[in-house]
Protein backbone atom coordinates (compact mmCIF):
# COMPACT_ATOMS: atom_id res chain seq x y z
CA MET A 1 97.15 103.73 114.98
CA SER A 2 93.51 104.36 115.82
CA GLY A 3 92.03 107.27 113.92
CA PHE A 4 88.86 109.31 114.08
CA GLY A 5 85.83 107.09 114.57
CA GLY A 6 87.98 104.17 115.71
CA GLU A 7 89.32 103.47 112.22
CA GLU A 8 92.93 102.48 111.73
CA VAL A 9 95.13 105.11 110.07
CA ARG A 10 98.35 104.06 108.37
CA THR A 11 101.03 106.73 108.31
CA PRO A 12 103.40 106.94 105.35
CA ILE A 13 107.11 106.57 106.14
CA PHE A 14 109.34 109.48 105.12
CA SER A 15 112.85 108.35 104.17
CA GLY A 16 114.19 111.59 102.69
CA GLU A 17 112.47 111.58 99.30
CA ASN A 18 109.18 113.05 98.05
CA TYR A 19 108.77 115.22 101.13
CA GLU A 20 105.91 117.24 99.63
CA PHE A 21 103.82 114.12 99.05
CA TRP A 22 104.54 112.91 102.59
CA ARG A 23 103.66 116.30 104.08
CA ILE A 24 100.29 116.45 102.31
CA LYS A 25 99.36 112.96 103.51
CA MET A 26 100.42 113.75 107.07
CA VAL A 27 98.39 116.99 107.17
CA THR A 28 95.32 115.01 106.15
CA ILE A 29 95.94 112.47 108.92
CA PHE A 30 96.41 115.16 111.57
CA LYS A 31 93.20 116.90 110.50
CA SER A 32 91.28 113.63 110.67
CA LEU A 33 92.56 113.15 114.23
CA ARG A 34 91.88 116.80 115.18
CA LEU A 35 95.56 117.34 115.91
CA TRP A 36 96.57 119.65 113.08
CA SER A 37 96.12 122.81 115.13
CA LEU A 38 98.67 121.57 117.65
CA VAL A 39 101.14 120.59 114.92
CA GLU A 40 100.72 123.84 113.03
CA LYS A 41 100.45 126.36 115.89
CA GLY A 42 101.89 124.51 118.86
CA ILE A 43 100.66 124.22 122.43
CA PRO A 44 98.56 127.27 123.32
CA THR A 45 99.63 129.35 126.30
CA PRO A 46 97.14 130.88 128.74
CA ASP A 47 97.95 134.38 127.47
CA SER A 48 97.34 133.41 123.86
CA LYS A 49 93.93 131.85 124.46
CA LYS A 50 91.17 133.94 123.01
CA ASN A 51 88.38 132.10 124.71
CA LYS A 52 87.33 134.09 127.79
CA LYS A 53 85.58 131.09 129.21
CA VAL A 54 88.95 129.32 129.48
CA LYS A 55 90.37 132.17 131.56
CA GLU A 56 87.53 131.86 133.99
CA LEU A 57 88.28 128.19 134.73
CA SER A 58 89.53 127.24 138.13
CA GLU A 59 93.16 126.31 138.59
CA GLU A 60 92.36 122.60 138.78
CA GLU A 61 90.21 122.72 135.68
CA ALA A 62 92.90 124.64 133.83
CA ASP A 63 95.51 122.09 134.83
CA ALA A 64 93.26 119.24 133.73
CA GLU A 65 92.70 120.89 130.38
CA MET A 66 96.40 121.51 129.92
CA ILE A 67 97.08 117.85 130.64
CA VAL A 68 94.67 116.89 127.87
CA VAL A 69 96.41 119.30 125.48
CA LEU A 70 99.84 117.94 126.39
CA MET A 71 98.64 114.38 125.84
CA LYS A 72 97.32 115.33 122.40
CA ASP A 73 100.61 117.00 121.55
CA ALA A 74 102.52 113.92 122.68
CA LYS A 75 100.28 111.82 120.48
CA ALA A 76 100.96 114.08 117.49
CA LEU A 77 104.70 113.98 118.21
CA GLY A 78 104.59 110.19 118.39
CA ILE A 79 102.83 110.05 115.02
CA ILE A 80 105.59 112.15 113.45
CA GLN A 81 108.31 110.03 115.03
CA ASN A 82 106.72 106.83 113.75
CA ALA A 83 106.26 108.30 110.30
CA VAL A 84 109.99 108.79 109.60
CA SER A 85 112.65 106.22 108.89
CA ASP A 86 115.48 105.38 111.29
CA GLN A 87 117.82 107.53 109.19
CA ILE A 88 115.61 110.61 109.54
CA PHE A 89 114.63 110.14 113.19
CA PRO A 90 117.87 111.58 114.72
CA GLN A 91 116.98 114.94 113.16
CA ILE A 92 113.87 115.22 115.35
CA ALA A 93 114.96 113.10 118.31
CA ASN A 94 115.42 116.18 120.56
CA ALA A 95 112.12 117.80 119.60
CA ASP A 96 109.84 118.07 122.65
CA SER A 97 106.69 119.06 120.77
CA ALA A 98 104.92 118.12 117.58
CA LYS A 99 105.33 121.65 116.20
CA MET A 100 109.09 121.60 116.76
CA ALA A 101 109.52 118.23 115.05
CA TRP A 102 107.28 119.30 112.17
CA ASN A 103 109.17 122.57 111.64
CA LEU A 104 112.54 120.82 111.73
CA LEU A 105 111.51 118.53 108.89
CA TYR A 106 109.90 121.40 107.00
CA SER A 107 112.99 123.60 107.16
CA GLU A 108 115.25 120.71 106.14
CA TYR A 109 113.33 119.22 103.24
CA HIS A 110 110.93 121.89 102.01
CA ASP A 111 112.59 123.53 99.02
CA GLY A 112 113.00 127.27 98.73
CA ASP A 113 111.17 129.30 96.11
CA GLN A 114 114.07 129.27 93.65
CA VAL A 115 114.59 125.51 93.89
CA ARG A 116 110.86 124.88 93.56
CA SER A 117 110.74 127.09 90.49
CA VAL A 118 113.53 125.14 88.80
CA LYS A 119 111.89 121.81 89.61
CA LEU A 120 108.57 123.03 88.26
CA GLN A 121 110.20 124.13 85.01
CA ASN A 122 111.73 120.67 84.61
CA LEU A 123 108.36 119.05 85.25
CA ARG A 124 106.71 121.31 82.69
CA ARG A 125 109.31 120.36 80.11
CA GLU A 126 108.86 116.66 80.89
CA PHE A 127 105.08 117.07 80.60
CA GLU A 128 105.41 118.79 77.22
CA TYR A 129 107.59 116.07 75.69
CA MET A 130 105.93 113.04 77.30
CA ARG A 131 104.60 110.60 74.70
CA MET A 132 103.12 107.12 74.75
CA ARG A 133 105.71 104.48 73.85
CA GLU A 134 105.15 101.96 71.08
CA ASN A 135 103.33 98.85 72.34
CA GLU A 136 102.87 100.50 75.75
CA PRO A 137 99.51 99.66 77.35
CA LEU A 138 97.16 102.61 77.65
CA THR A 139 96.77 102.14 81.41
CA ALA A 140 100.54 102.17 81.94
CA TYR A 141 100.94 105.40 79.99
CA LEU A 142 98.06 107.12 81.79
CA THR A 143 99.62 106.10 85.11
CA ARG A 144 102.94 107.70 84.13
CA LEU A 145 101.18 110.83 82.97
CA ASN A 146 99.06 111.08 86.12
CA GLU A 147 102.12 110.75 88.37
CA LEU A 148 103.77 113.64 86.55
CA ILE A 149 100.61 115.75 86.80
CA ASN A 150 100.42 115.13 90.55
CA GLN A 151 104.02 116.24 90.98
CA MET A 152 103.27 119.46 89.11
CA LYS A 153 100.23 120.09 91.30
CA THR A 154 102.41 119.62 94.37
CA PHE A 155 104.54 122.55 93.22
CA GLY A 156 101.49 124.73 92.69
CA GLU A 157 100.89 124.17 88.97
CA VAL A 158 97.24 124.48 87.92
CA LEU A 159 96.34 122.45 84.81
CA SER A 160 93.01 123.00 83.06
CA ASN A 161 90.78 120.11 82.07
CA GLU A 162 90.94 121.20 78.42
CA GLY A 163 94.74 121.22 78.50
CA LEU A 164 94.85 117.73 79.99
CA VAL A 165 92.40 116.39 77.37
CA GLN A 166 94.48 117.88 74.56
CA LYS A 167 97.66 116.47 76.06
CA VAL A 168 96.22 112.94 76.18
CA LEU A 169 94.90 113.07 72.61
CA ILE A 170 98.12 114.37 71.03
CA SER A 171 100.47 112.11 72.99
CA LEU A 172 99.01 108.68 72.22
CA SER A 173 100.60 106.25 69.78
CA LYS A 174 99.52 106.14 66.12
CA VAL A 175 97.17 103.21 66.62
CA TYR A 176 94.84 105.58 68.52
CA ASP A 177 94.79 108.24 65.79
CA PRO A 178 91.36 107.22 64.38
CA ILE A 179 89.57 107.31 67.74
CA CYS A 180 91.32 110.56 68.70
CA LEU A 181 90.13 112.11 65.44
CA VAL A 182 86.57 111.02 66.23
CA ILE A 183 86.76 112.54 69.71
CA GLU A 184 88.12 115.83 68.38
CA ASN A 185 85.38 116.06 65.73
CA THR A 186 82.46 115.00 67.92
CA LYS A 187 83.34 116.38 71.35
CA SER A 188 83.92 119.87 72.65
CA LEU A 189 87.33 119.78 74.28
CA GLU A 190 86.41 122.78 76.41
CA THR A 191 83.54 121.00 78.16
CA THR A 192 84.38 117.30 77.84
CA GLU A 193 85.72 115.82 81.07
CA LEU A 194 89.05 114.03 81.03
CA GLN A 195 87.52 110.91 82.60
CA GLU A 196 85.03 110.66 79.75
CA VAL A 197 87.83 110.74 77.17
CA ILE A 198 89.80 108.13 79.12
CA ALA A 199 86.74 105.87 79.27
CA ILE A 200 86.40 106.06 75.47
CA LEU A 201 90.08 105.30 74.98
CA LYS A 202 89.97 102.32 77.34
CA SER A 203 86.96 100.97 75.46
CA GLN A 204 88.97 101.23 72.24
CA GLU A 205 91.89 99.44 73.89
CA GLN A 206 89.58 96.56 74.79
CA ARG A 207 88.50 96.33 71.15
CA PHE A 208 92.15 96.13 70.13
CA GLU A 209 92.69 93.30 72.57
CA MET A 210 89.62 91.44 71.30
CA HIS A 211 90.84 91.74 67.71
CA ASN A 212 94.26 90.48 68.72
CA VAL A 213 92.70 87.46 70.43
CA ASP A 214 90.52 86.73 67.37
CA SER A 215 93.52 86.99 65.06
CA ALA A 216 95.54 84.66 67.25
CA GLU A 217 92.71 82.13 67.36
CA LYS A 218 92.25 82.24 63.59
CA ALA A 219 95.97 81.80 63.03
CA PHE A 220 96.05 78.85 65.40
CA ALA A 221 93.01 77.25 63.72
CA SER A 222 94.59 77.71 60.31
CA PHE A 223 97.76 76.11 61.59
CA LEU A 224 95.81 73.09 62.84
CA VAL A 225 94.00 72.69 59.49
CA ASN A 226 97.26 72.86 57.55
CA ALA A 227 98.89 70.40 59.91
CA LYS A 228 96.03 67.90 59.53
CA SER A 229 96.06 68.31 55.76
CA GLN A 230 99.78 67.64 55.58
CA ASN A 231 99.46 64.57 57.80
CA LYS A 232 96.66 63.21 55.59
CA ASN A 233 98.65 63.70 52.41
CA SER A 234 101.74 62.10 53.87
CA THR A 235 99.67 59.09 55.02
CA GLN A 236 98.16 58.54 51.59
CA THR A 237 101.42 58.96 49.71
CA GLY A 238 103.14 55.84 51.01
CA PRO A 239 100.51 53.04 50.75
CA ALA A 240 98.68 54.57 47.77
CA LYS A 241 101.86 54.78 45.77
CA SER A 242 102.86 51.20 46.49
CA GLN A 243 99.31 50.02 45.72
CA ASN A 244 99.32 51.79 42.37
CA HIS A 245 102.67 50.31 41.59
CA TRP A 246 101.38 46.83 42.49
CA GLN A 247 98.30 47.29 40.31
CA PHE A 248 100.46 48.33 37.40
CA LYS A 249 102.67 45.32 37.76
CA ASN A 250 99.71 42.94 37.72
CA LYS A 251 97.74 44.39 34.81
CA PRO A 252 96.30 41.76 32.39
CA TRP A 253 98.13 43.20 29.41
CA ASP A 254 101.35 42.91 31.29
CA SER A 255 100.98 39.12 31.51
CA ARG A 256 99.93 38.81 27.82
CA SER A 257 102.92 40.74 26.67
CA LYS A 258 105.22 38.00 27.86
CA PRO A 259 106.23 35.30 25.21
């Protein structure tokens, strides 16, 4: 689909889950294409137009302008139709305008206030108890945490930067305790940006990985040295022992001791 400025715009496909995420993405797409007003408010009628200049247009000009509006609405409707799965499409198949199709999906999948409140409480509880797993990479944990934060924001939750920084520092595994202690003692959690803290933590993770590589290399080198030493000893044991035994058997005093 060609977007504003000739750029291609890829619409997300709604299959019945994560409607709020899909809706936010679609609103952004419609705004970029200058179609959101049609989707949100519908096709304007002559009586509802506030622009006096429009009323003064001739009948032909008014018809031409209405054709343009109808074409834009058809385009918006087509975008909505292409942005839903085959299972969802029958629910909007009879919609003859973008606004009608949009409202049908909104009324079906947008949760009521009570349902949204319950979901938000569950997300808050999950956020409170979320912790980094043992041996879990830092990036993987931050991705899980960020996904949960985005869900909370979708339901209207506002999280302060200080609260997010504190959450990250107290929820990491024990191996990060020293660097977290340094951050808490040297940084002001009220003014320090979350991205700055994450950058410090990722730098520490890289140091951990470097130490692990060094330890593995040292262990491997030690193994090679021990293996070579054992091979050398085993090589000398056989011939050296037989040679010593031969030398003992042919000592001068051994021949003189015979009658």
